[in-house]
Amino acid sequence: EISMYGENCIEFVFPGESIFSLHEVCSVFDMVKRFDDS
C-alpha cells in the first residue's frame, strides 16, 4: 500500500542480507516520505 505499487509487487522475500545485488538498498523512510509527499 505505501509503496503504491499494489498487490503482487513483492517478488522475493528471503531471510538474511543479500550477498550481491545489482540494485542499491532503498530506504523505507524515503518510501514513506515519497508516499506523504506525493
PDB file of all heavy atoms in Angstrom:
ATOM      1  N   GLU A   1       0.802  -1.220   0.000  1.00  0.00           N
ATOM      2  CA  GLU A   1       0.000   0.000   0.000  1.00  0.00           C
ATOM      3  C   GLU A   1       0.839   1.276   0.000  1.00  0.00           C
ATOM      4  O   GLU A   1       0.570   2.194  -0.774  1.00  0.00           O
ATOM      5  CB  GLU A   1      -0.955   0.006   1.198  1.00  0.00           C
ATOM      6  CG  GLU A   1      -1.952  -1.132   1.175  1.00  0.00           C
ATOM      7  CD  GLU A   1      -2.880  -1.100  -0.042  1.00  0.00           C
ATOM      8  OE1 GLU A   1      -3.146  -0.025  -0.591  1.00  0.00           O
ATOM      9  OE2 GLU A   1      -3.353  -2.182  -0.435  1.00  0.00           O
ATOM     10  N   ILE A   2       1.833   1.349   0.856  1.00  0.00           N
ATOM     11  CA  ILE A   2       2.621   2.578   0.989  1.00  0.00           C
ATOM     12  C   ILE A   2       3.569   2.760  -0.193  1.00  0.00           C
ATOM     13  O   ILE A   2       3.869   3.883  -0.599  1.00  0.00           O
ATOM     14  CB  ILE A   2       3.364   2.621   2.340  1.00  0.00           C
ATOM     15  CG1 ILE A   2       2.362   2.568   3.505  1.00  0.00           C
ATOM     16  CG2 ILE A   2       4.249   3.851   2.452  1.00  0.00           C
ATOM     17  CD1 ILE A   2       1.336   3.701   3.534  1.00  0.00           C
ATOM     18  N   SER A   3       4.022   1.664  -0.795  1.00  0.00           N
ATOM     19  CA  SER A   3       4.859   1.806  -1.996  1.00  0.00           C
ATOM     20  C   SER A   3       4.022   2.291  -3.176  1.00  0.00           C
ATOM     21  O   SER A   3       4.551   2.824  -4.131  1.00  0.00           O
ATOM     22  CB  SER A   3       5.521   0.475  -2.366  1.00  0.00           C
ATOM     23  OG  SER A   3       4.562  -0.447  -2.872  1.00  0.00           O
ATOM     24  N   MET A   4       2.706   2.094  -3.088  1.00  0.00           N
ATOM     25  CA  MET A   4       1.741   2.450  -4.136  1.00  0.00           C
ATOM     26  C   MET A   4       1.901   1.585  -5.376  1.00  0.00           C
ATOM     27  O   MET A   4       1.427   1.928  -6.441  1.00  0.00           O
ATOM     28  CB  MET A   4       1.802   3.943  -4.482  1.00  0.00           C
ATOM     29  CG  MET A   4       1.434   4.841  -3.326  1.00  0.00           C
ATOM     30  SD  MET A   4       1.434   6.588  -3.709  1.00  0.00           S
ATOM     31  CE  MET A   4       3.167   6.916  -3.902  1.00  0.00           C
ATOM     32  N   TYR A   5       2.568   0.434  -5.248  1.00  0.00           N
ATOM     33  CA  TYR A   5       2.731  -0.479  -6.370  1.00  0.00           C
ATOM     34  C   TYR A   5       1.661  -1.566  -6.377  1.00  0.00           C
ATOM     35  O   TYR A   5       1.540  -2.303  -7.350  1.00  0.00           O
ATOM     36  CB  TYR A   5       4.117  -1.122  -6.364  1.00  0.00           C
ATOM     37  CG  TYR A   5       5.261  -0.137  -6.469  1.00  0.00           C
ATOM     38  CD1 TYR A   5       6.495  -0.435  -5.930  1.00  0.00           C
ATOM     39  CD2 TYR A   5       5.103   1.092  -7.106  1.00  0.00           C
ATOM     40  CE1 TYR A   5       7.560   0.448  -6.022  1.00  0.00           C
ATOM     41  CE2 TYR A   5       6.151   1.987  -7.187  1.00  0.00           C
ATOM     42  CZ  TYR A   5       7.377   1.666  -6.655  1.00  0.00           C
ATOM     43  OH  TYR A   5       8.430   2.541  -6.738  1.00  0.00           O
ATOM     44  N   GLY A   6       0.923  -1.696  -5.297  1.00  0.00           N
ATOM     45  CA  GLY A   6      -0.214  -2.611  -5.250  1.00  0.00           C
ATOM     46  C   GLY A   6       0.136  -4.067  -5.017  1.00  0.00           C
ATOM     47  O   GLY A   6       1.272  -4.426  -4.723  1.00  0.00           O
ATOM     48  N   GLU A   7      -0.896  -4.903  -5.171  1.00  0.00           N
ATOM     49  CA  GLU A   7      -0.742  -6.335  -4.931  1.00  0.00           C
ATOM     50  C   GLU A   7       0.282  -6.953  -5.879  1.00  0.00           C
ATOM     51  O   GLU A   7       0.446  -6.514  -7.006  1.00  0.00           O
ATOM     52  CB  GLU A   7      -2.073  -7.042  -5.121  1.00  0.00           C
ATOM     53  CG  GLU A   7      -3.090  -6.732  -4.047  1.00  0.00           C
ATOM     54  CD  GLU A   7      -4.373  -7.512  -4.234  1.00  0.00           C
ATOM     55  OE1 GLU A   7      -4.417  -8.432  -5.076  1.00  0.00           O
ATOM     56  OE2 GLU A   7      -5.343  -7.185  -3.536  1.00  0.00           O
ATOM     57  N   ASN A   8       0.924  -7.960  -5.399  1.00  0.00           N
ATOM     58  CA  ASN A   8       1.888  -8.750  -6.171  1.00  0.00           C
ATOM     59  C   ASN A   8       3.148  -7.983  -6.560  1.00  0.00           C
ATOM     60  O   ASN A   8       3.860  -8.398  -7.467  1.00  0.00           O
ATOM     61  CB  ASN A   8       1.239  -9.354  -7.419  1.00  0.00           C
ATOM     62  CG  ASN A   8       0.064 -10.228  -7.070  1.00  0.00           C
ATOM     63  OD1 ASN A   8       0.117 -10.991  -6.119  1.00  0.00           O
ATOM     64  ND2 ASN A   8      -1.008 -10.093  -7.822  1.00  0.00           N
ATOM     65  N   CYS A   9       3.433  -6.865  -5.894  1.00  0.00           N
ATOM     66  CA  CYS A   9       4.659  -6.132  -6.213  1.00  0.00           C
ATOM     67  C   CYS A   9       5.871  -6.744  -5.517  1.00  0.00           C
ATOM     68  O   CYS A   9       6.999  -6.532  -5.932  1.00  0.00           O
ATOM     69  CB  CYS A   9       4.529  -4.655  -5.848  1.00  0.00           C
ATOM     70  SG  CYS A   9       4.431  -4.320  -4.078  1.00  0.00           S
ATOM     71  N   ILE A  10       5.639  -7.533  -4.471  1.00  0.00           N
ATOM     72  CA  ILE A  10       6.749  -8.139  -3.746  1.00  0.00           C
ATOM     73  C   ILE A  10       7.130  -9.435  -4.452  1.00  0.00           C
ATOM     74  O   ILE A  10       6.394 -10.404  -4.442  1.00  0.00           O
ATOM     75  CB  ILE A  10       6.391  -8.373  -2.268  1.00  0.00           C
ATOM     76  CG1 ILE A  10       6.081  -7.018  -1.617  1.00  0.00           C
ATOM     77  CG2 ILE A  10       7.526  -9.096  -1.551  1.00  0.00           C
ATOM     78  CD1 ILE A  10       5.601  -7.106  -0.190  1.00  0.00           C
ATOM     79  N   GLU A  11       8.271  -9.406  -5.100  1.00  0.00           N
ATOM     80  CA  GLU A  11       8.735 -10.537  -5.898  1.00  0.00           C
ATOM     81  C   GLU A  11       9.428 -11.594  -5.062  1.00  0.00           C
ATOM     82  O   GLU A  11       9.221 -12.779  -5.252  1.00  0.00           O
ATOM     83  CB  GLU A  11       9.694 -10.060  -6.991  1.00  0.00           C
ATOM     84  CG  GLU A  11       9.050  -9.230  -8.053  1.00  0.00           C
ATOM     85  CD  GLU A  11       8.123 -10.034  -8.959  1.00  0.00           C
ATOM     86  OE1 GLU A  11       8.382 -11.223  -9.201  1.00  0.00           O
ATOM     87  OE2 GLU A  11       7.114  -9.464  -9.401  1.00  0.00           O
ATOM     88  N   PHE A  12      10.300 -11.162  -4.161  1.00  0.00           N
ATOM     89  CA  PHE A  12      11.074 -12.091  -3.353  1.00  0.00           C
ATOM     90  C   PHE A  12      11.180 -11.566  -1.935  1.00  0.00           C
ATOM     91  O   PHE A  12      11.327 -10.362  -1.729  1.00  0.00           O
ATOM     92  CB  PHE A  12      12.503 -12.261  -3.882  1.00  0.00           C
ATOM     93  CG  PHE A  12      12.577 -12.800  -5.279  1.00  0.00           C
ATOM     94  CD1 PHE A  12      12.811 -11.952  -6.350  1.00  0.00           C
ATOM     95  CD2 PHE A  12      12.415 -14.151  -5.518  1.00  0.00           C
ATOM     96  CE1 PHE A  12      12.880 -12.438  -7.637  1.00  0.00           C
ATOM     97  CE2 PHE A  12      12.483 -14.649  -6.807  1.00  0.00           C
ATOM     98  CZ  PHE A  12      12.710 -13.790  -7.869  1.00  0.00           C
ATOM     99  N   VAL A  13      11.129 -12.482  -0.992  1.00  0.00           N
ATOM    100  CA  VAL A  13      11.418 -12.187   0.413  1.00  0.00           C
ATOM    101  C   VAL A  13      12.286 -13.329   0.902  1.00  0.00           C
ATOM    102  O   VAL A  13      11.936 -14.490   0.737  1.00  0.00           O
ATOM    103  CB  VAL A  13      10.134 -12.137   1.273  1.00  0.00           C
ATOM    104  CG1 VAL A  13      10.487 -11.892   2.730  1.00  0.00           C
ATOM    105  CG2 VAL A  13       9.164 -11.088   0.755  1.00  0.00           C
ATOM    106  N   PHE A  14      13.431 -12.983   1.449  1.00  0.00           N
ATOM    107  CA  PHE A  14      14.258 -14.050   1.982  1.00  0.00           C
ATOM    108  C   PHE A  14      14.948 -13.587   3.259  1.00  0.00           C
ATOM    109  O   PHE A  14      15.245 -12.400   3.408  1.00  0.00           O
ATOM    110  CB  PHE A  14      15.272 -14.580   0.956  1.00  0.00           C
ATOM    111  CG  PHE A  14      16.133 -13.537   0.325  1.00  0.00           C
ATOM    112  CD1 PHE A  14      17.362 -13.222   0.863  1.00  0.00           C
ATOM    113  CD2 PHE A  14      15.717 -12.886  -0.832  1.00  0.00           C
ATOM    114  CE1 PHE A  14      18.173 -12.269   0.264  1.00  0.00           C
ATOM    115  CE2 PHE A  14      16.521 -11.931  -1.439  1.00  0.00           C
ATOM    116  CZ  PHE A  14      17.751 -11.623  -0.884  1.00  0.00           C
ATOM    117  N   PRO A  15      15.140 -14.524   4.192  1.00  0.00           N
ATOM    118  CA  PRO A  15      15.808 -14.165   5.440  1.00  0.00           C
ATOM    119  C   PRO A  15      17.271 -13.846   5.177  1.00  0.00           C
ATOM    120  O   PRO A  15      17.904 -14.444   4.312  1.00  0.00           O
ATOM    121  CB  PRO A  15      15.650 -15.403   6.319  1.00  0.00           C
ATOM    122  CG  PRO A  15      15.298 -16.504   5.397  1.00  0.00           C
ATOM    123  CD  PRO A  15      14.732 -15.914   4.155  1.00  0.00           C
ATOM    124  N   GLY A  16      17.770 -12.896   5.917  1.00  0.00           N
ATOM    125  CA  GLY A  16      19.176 -12.523   5.794  1.00  0.00           C
ATOM    126  C   GLY A  16      19.378 -11.375   4.821  1.00  0.00           C
ATOM    127  O   GLY A  16      18.444 -10.820   4.270  1.00  0.00           O
ATOM    128  N   GLU A  17      20.627 -11.077   4.637  1.00  0.00           N
ATOM    129  CA  GLU A  17      21.028  -9.974   3.778  1.00  0.00           C
ATOM    130  C   GLU A  17      21.492 -10.523   2.441  1.00  0.00           C
ATOM    131  O   GLU A  17      22.157 -11.560   2.392  1.00  0.00           O
ATOM    132  CB  GLU A  17      22.165  -9.212   4.452  1.00  0.00           C
ATOM    133  CG  GLU A  17      22.496  -7.905   3.812  1.00  0.00           C
ATOM    134  CD  GLU A  17      23.450  -7.099   4.682  1.00  0.00           C
ATOM    135  OE1 GLU A  17      23.591  -7.405   5.875  1.00  0.00           O
ATOM    136  OE2 GLU A  17      24.058  -6.170   4.137  1.00  0.00           O
ATOM    137  N   SER A  18      21.131  -9.828   1.374  1.00  0.00           N
ATOM    138  CA  SER A  18      21.583 -10.303   0.066  1.00  0.00           C
ATOM    139  C   SER A  18      23.096 -10.118  -0.033  1.00  0.00           C
ATOM    140  O   SER A  18      23.649  -9.129   0.423  1.00  0.00           O
ATOM    141  CB  SER A  18      20.876  -9.556  -1.067  1.00  0.00           C
ATOM    142  OG  SER A  18      21.232  -8.194  -1.068  1.00  0.00           O
ATOM    143  N   ILE A  19      23.740 -11.078  -0.622  1.00  0.00           N
ATOM    144  CA  ILE A  19      25.191 -11.029  -0.768  1.00  0.00           C
ATOM    145  C   ILE A  19      25.575 -10.112  -1.919  1.00  0.00           C
ATOM    146  O   ILE A  19      26.518  -9.360  -1.862  1.00  0.00           O
ATOM    147  CB  ILE A  19      25.752 -12.446  -0.996  1.00  0.00           C
ATOM    148  CG1 ILE A  19      25.493 -13.278   0.253  1.00  0.00           C
ATOM    149  CG2 ILE A  19      27.228 -12.411  -1.320  1.00  0.00           C
ATOM    150  CD1 ILE A  19      25.817 -14.735   0.109  1.00  0.00           C
ATOM    151  N   PHE A  20      24.770 -10.163  -2.969  1.00  0.00           N
ATOM    152  CA  PHE A  20      25.076  -9.362  -4.157  1.00  0.00           C
ATOM    153  C   PHE A  20      23.768  -8.877  -4.758  1.00  0.00           C
ATOM    154  O   PHE A  20      22.804  -9.625  -4.829  1.00  0.00           O
ATOM    155  CB  PHE A  20      25.834 -10.208  -5.182  1.00  0.00           C
ATOM    156  CG  PHE A  20      26.094  -9.473  -6.463  1.00  0.00           C
ATOM    157  CD1 PHE A  20      27.067  -8.499  -6.534  1.00  0.00           C
ATOM    158  CD2 PHE A  20      25.337  -9.746  -7.581  1.00  0.00           C
ATOM    159  CE1 PHE A  20      27.309  -7.816  -7.715  1.00  0.00           C
ATOM    160  CE2 PHE A  20      25.570  -9.065  -8.771  1.00  0.00           C
ATOM    161  CZ  PHE A  20      26.554  -8.099  -8.833  1.00  0.00           C
ATOM    162  N   SER A  21      23.748  -7.644  -5.166  1.00  0.00           N
ATOM    163  CA  SER A  21      22.554  -7.100  -5.810  1.00  0.00           C
ATOM    164  C   SER A  21      22.993  -6.065  -6.829  1.00  0.00           C
ATOM    165  O   SER A  21      23.949  -5.322  -6.606  1.00  0.00           O
ATOM    166  CB  SER A  21      21.628  -6.443  -4.781  1.00  0.00           C
ATOM    167  OG  SER A  21      20.554  -5.838  -5.445  1.00  0.00           O
ATOM    168  N   LEU A  22      22.297  -6.034  -7.928  1.00  0.00           N
ATOM    169  CA  LEU A  22      22.559  -5.002  -8.925  1.00  0.00           C
ATOM    170  C   LEU A  22      21.916  -3.684  -8.528  1.00  0.00           C
ATOM    171  O   LEU A  22      22.144  -2.667  -9.157  1.00  0.00           O
ATOM    172  CB  LEU A  22      21.997  -5.440 -10.283  1.00  0.00           C
ATOM    173  CG  LEU A  22      22.632  -6.683 -10.893  1.00  0.00           C
ATOM    174  CD1 LEU A  22      21.887  -7.065 -12.166  1.00  0.00           C
ATOM    175  CD2 LEU A  22      24.099  -6.455 -11.185  1.00  0.00           C
ATOM    176  N   HIS A  23      21.119  -3.733  -7.476  1.00  0.00           N
ATOM    177  CA  HIS A  23      20.374  -2.555  -7.047  1.00  0.00           C
ATOM    178  C   HIS A  23      20.824  -2.104  -5.665  1.00  0.00           C
ATOM    179  O   HIS A  23      21.122  -2.920  -4.798  1.00  0.00           O
ATOM    180  CB  HIS A  23      18.873  -2.872  -7.003  1.00  0.00           C
ATOM    181  CG  HIS A  23      18.352  -3.321  -8.327  1.00  0.00           C
ATOM    182  ND1 HIS A  23      18.043  -2.453  -9.334  1.00  0.00           N
ATOM    183  CD2 HIS A  23      18.112  -4.553  -8.822  1.00  0.00           C
ATOM    184  CE1 HIS A  23      17.624  -3.121 -10.385  1.00  0.00           C
ATOM    185  NE2 HIS A  23      17.663  -4.398 -10.102  1.00  0.00           N
ATOM    186  N   GLU A  24      20.857  -0.815  -5.474  1.00  0.00           N
ATOM    187  CA  GLU A  24      21.172  -0.238  -4.187  1.00  0.00           C
ATOM    188  C   GLU A  24      20.002  -0.496  -3.231  1.00  0.00           C
ATOM    189  O   GLU A  24      18.847  -0.528  -3.642  1.00  0.00           O
ATOM    190  CB  GLU A  24      21.367   1.265  -4.374  1.00  0.00           C
ATOM    191  CG  GLU A  24      21.801   2.002  -3.142  1.00  0.00           C
ATOM    192  CD  GLU A  24      22.063   3.462  -3.439  1.00  0.00           C
ATOM    193  OE1 GLU A  24      22.658   3.773  -4.480  1.00  0.00           O
ATOM    194  OE2 GLU A  24      21.641   4.287  -2.623  1.00  0.00           O
ATOM    195  N   VAL A  25      20.302  -0.671  -1.959  1.00  0.00           N
ATOM    196  CA  VAL A  25      19.243  -0.858  -0.973  1.00  0.00           C
ATOM    197  C   VAL A  25      18.506   0.462  -0.801  1.00  0.00           C
ATOM    198  O   VAL A  25      19.119   1.521  -0.637  1.00  0.00           O
ATOM    199  CB  VAL A  25      19.819  -1.335   0.369  1.00  0.00           C
ATOM    200  CG1 VAL A  25      18.731  -1.387   1.443  1.00  0.00           C
ATOM    201  CG2 VAL A  25      20.474  -2.692   0.209  1.00  0.00           C
ATOM    202  N   CYS A  26      17.178   0.401  -0.877  1.00  0.00           N
ATOM    203  CA  CYS A  26      16.335   1.585  -0.756  1.00  0.00           C
ATOM    204  C   CYS A  26      15.992   1.842   0.706  1.00  0.00           C
ATOM    205  O   CYS A  26      15.976   0.927   1.526  1.00  0.00           O
ATOM    206  CB  CYS A  26      15.044   1.401  -1.548  1.00  0.00           C
ATOM    207  SG  CYS A  26      15.305   1.192  -3.313  1.00  0.00           S
ATOM    208  N   SER A  27      15.674   3.062   0.999  1.00  0.00           N
ATOM    209  CA  SER A  27      15.318   3.463   2.347  1.00  0.00           C
ATOM    210  C   SER A  27      13.806   3.366   2.555  1.00  0.00           C
ATOM    211  O   SER A  27      13.028   3.944   1.797  1.00  0.00           O
ATOM    212  CB  SER A  27      15.772   4.904   2.587  1.00  0.00           C
ATOM    213  OG  SER A  27      15.170   5.422   3.742  1.00  0.00           O
ATOM    214  N   VAL A  28      13.392   2.632   3.597  1.00  0.00           N
ATOM    215  CA  VAL A  28      11.979   2.569   3.954  1.00  0.00           C
ATOM    216  C   VAL A  28      11.503   3.966   4.338  1.00  0.00           C
ATOM    217  O   VAL A  28      10.401   4.372   3.998  1.00  0.00           O
ATOM    218  CB  VAL A  28      11.742   1.564   5.103  1.00  0.00           C
ATOM    219  CG1 VAL A  28      10.315   1.616   5.592  1.00  0.00           C
ATOM    220  CG2 VAL A  28      12.108   0.153   4.656  1.00  0.00           C
ATOM    221  N   PHE A  29      12.352   4.719   5.028  1.00  0.00           N
ATOM    222  CA  PHE A  29      12.000   6.078   5.415  1.00  0.00           C
ATOM    223  C   PHE A  29      11.687   6.936   4.185  1.00  0.00           C
ATOM    224  O   PHE A  29      10.717   7.690   4.165  1.00  0.00           O
ATOM    225  CB  PHE A  29      13.134   6.727   6.222  1.00  0.00           C
ATOM    226  CG  PHE A  29      13.468   5.989   7.485  1.00  0.00           C
ATOM    227  CD1 PHE A  29      14.622   5.236   7.563  1.00  0.00           C
ATOM    228  CD2 PHE A  29      12.629   6.020   8.589  1.00  0.00           C
ATOM    229  CE1 PHE A  29      14.944   4.538   8.716  1.00  0.00           C
ATOM    230  CE2 PHE A  29      12.939   5.329   9.745  1.00  0.00           C
ATOM    231  CZ  PHE A  29      14.099   4.583   9.817  1.00  0.00           C
ATOM    232  N   ASP A  30      12.515   6.802   3.148  1.00  0.00           N
ATOM    233  CA  ASP A  30      12.290   7.561   1.916  1.00  0.00           C
ATOM    234  C   ASP A  30      10.999   7.131   1.226  1.00  0.00           C
ATOM    235  O   ASP A  30      10.302   7.952   0.634  1.00  0.00           O
ATOM    236  CB  ASP A  30      13.467   7.408   0.957  1.00  0.00           C
ATOM    237  CG  ASP A  30      14.709   8.146   1.432  1.00  0.00           C
ATOM    238  OD1 ASP A  30      14.593   8.999   2.349  1.00  0.00           O
ATOM    239  OD2 ASP A  30      15.789   7.868   0.891  1.00  0.00           O
ATOM    240  N   MET A  31      10.667   5.832   1.280  1.00  0.00           N
ATOM    241  CA  MET A  31       9.427   5.358   0.656  1.00  0.00           C
ATOM    242  C   MET A  31       8.215   5.975   1.347  1.00  0.00           C
ATOM    243  O   MET A  31       7.283   6.435   0.692  1.00  0.00           O
ATOM    244  CB  MET A  31       9.329   3.838   0.703  1.00  0.00           C
ATOM    245  CG  MET A  31       8.048   3.319   0.070  1.00  0.00           C
ATOM    246  SD  MET A  31       7.836   1.529   0.109  1.00  0.00           S
ATOM    247  CE  MET A  31       7.889   1.200   1.838  1.00  0.00           C
ATOM    248  N   VAL A  32       8.234   6.018   2.672  1.00  0.00           N
ATOM    249  CA  VAL A  32       7.117   6.614   3.419  1.00  0.00           C
ATOM    250  C   VAL A  32       7.037   8.104   3.123  1.00  0.00           C
ATOM    251  O   VAL A  32       5.950   8.650   2.910  1.00  0.00           O
ATOM    252  CB  VAL A  32       7.258   6.338   4.932  1.00  0.00           C
ATOM    253  CG1 VAL A  32       6.219   7.109   5.726  1.00  0.00           C
ATOM    254  CG2 VAL A  32       7.143   4.839   5.204  1.00  0.00           C
ATOM    255  N   LYS A  33       8.183   8.766   3.062  1.00  0.00           N
ATOM    256  CA  LYS A  33       8.203  10.201   2.732  1.00  0.00           C
ATOM    257  C   LYS A  33       7.673  10.435   1.320  1.00  0.00           C
ATOM    258  O   LYS A  33       6.910  11.372   1.082  1.00  0.00           O
ATOM    259  CB  LYS A  33       9.617  10.758   2.877  1.00  0.00           C
ATOM    260  CG  LYS A  33       9.711  12.250   2.643  1.00  0.00           C
ATOM    261  CD  LYS A  33      11.092  12.755   2.919  1.00  0.00           C
ATOM    262  CE  LYS A  33      11.305  14.222   2.744  1.00  0.00           C
ATOM    263  NZ  LYS A  33      10.406  14.978   1.976  1.00  0.00           N
ATOM    264  N   ARG A  34       8.054   9.577   0.375  1.00  0.00           N
ATOM    265  CA  ARG A  34       7.566   9.680  -1.003  1.00  0.00           C
ATOM    266  C   ARG A  34       6.047   9.565  -1.034  1.00  0.00           C
ATOM    267  O   ARG A  34       5.370  10.306  -1.734  1.00  0.00           O
ATOM    268  CB  ARG A  34       8.223   8.595  -1.856  1.00  0.00           C
ATOM    269  CG  ARG A  34       7.791   8.594  -3.312  1.00  0.00           C
ATOM    270  CD  ARG A  34       8.548   7.527  -4.106  1.00  0.00           C
ATOM    271  NE  ARG A  34       8.123   6.199  -3.691  1.00  0.00           N
ATOM    272  CZ  ARG A  34       8.877   5.116  -3.743  1.00  0.00           C
ATOM    273  NH1 ARG A  34      10.115   5.183  -4.183  1.00  0.00           N
ATOM    274  NH2 ARG A  34       8.407   3.950  -3.362  1.00  0.00           N
ATOM    275  N   PHE A  35       5.504   8.639  -0.244  1.00  0.00           N
ATOM    276  CA  PHE A  35       4.053   8.481  -0.148  1.00  0.00           C
ATOM    277  C   PHE A  35       3.412   9.759   0.386  1.00  0.00           C
ATOM    278  O   PHE A  35       2.445  10.262  -0.182  1.00  0.00           O
ATOM    279  CB  PHE A  35       3.717   7.294   0.755  1.00  0.00           C
ATOM    280  CG  PHE A  35       2.250   7.119   1.000  1.00  0.00           C
ATOM    281  CD1 PHE A  35       1.456   6.460   0.072  1.00  0.00           C
ATOM    282  CD2 PHE A  35       1.657   7.606   2.150  1.00  0.00           C
ATOM    283  CE1 PHE A  35       0.101   6.298   0.283  1.00  0.00           C
ATOM    284  CE2 PHE A  35       0.305   7.444   2.377  1.00  0.00           C
ATOM    285  CZ  PHE A  35      -0.473   6.790   1.447  1.00  0.00           C
ATOM    286  N   ASP A  36       3.970  10.301   1.470  1.00  0.00           N
ATOM    287  CA  ASP A  36       3.412  11.508   2.078  1.00  0.00           C
ATOM    288  C   ASP A  36       3.505  12.710   1.143  1.00  0.00           C
ATOM    289  O   ASP A  36       2.567  13.502   1.044  1.00  0.00           O
ATOM    290  CB  ASP A  36       4.116  11.832   3.396  1.00  0.00           C
ATOM    291  CG  ASP A  36       3.739  10.865   4.510  1.00  0.00           C
ATOM    292  OD1 ASP A  36       2.667  10.227   4.419  1.00  0.00           O
ATOM    293  OD2 ASP A  36       4.529  10.744   5.469  1.00  0.00           O
ATOM    294  N   ASP A  37       4.628  12.843   0.442  1.00  0.00           N
ATOM    295  CA  ASP A  37       4.854  13.988  -0.429  1.00  0.00           C
ATOM    296  C   ASP A  37       4.104  13.907  -1.756  1.00  0.00           C
ATOM    297  O   ASP A  37       3.904  14.923  -2.417  1.00  0.00           O
ATOM    298  CB  ASP A  37       6.349  14.158  -0.738  1.00  0.00           C
ATOM    299  CG  ASP A  37       7.146  14.553   0.491  1.00  0.00           C
ATOM    300  OD1 ASP A  37       6.540  14.929   1.519  1.00  0.00           O
ATOM    301  OD2 ASP A  37       8.397  14.476   0.430  1.00  0.00           O
ATOM    302  N   SER A  38       3.675  12.716  -2.142  1.00  0.00           N
ATOM    303  CA  SER A  38       3.077  12.524  -3.465  1.00  0.00           C
ATOM    304  C   SER A  38       1.666  13.066  -3.599  1.00  0.00           C
ATOM    305  O   SER A  38       1.176  13.240  -4.700  1.00  0.00           O
ATOM    306  CB  SER A  38       3.055  11.034  -3.818  1.00  0.00           C
ATOM    307  OG  SER A  38       2.071  10.380  -3.033  1.00  0.00           O
TER     308      SER A  38
END
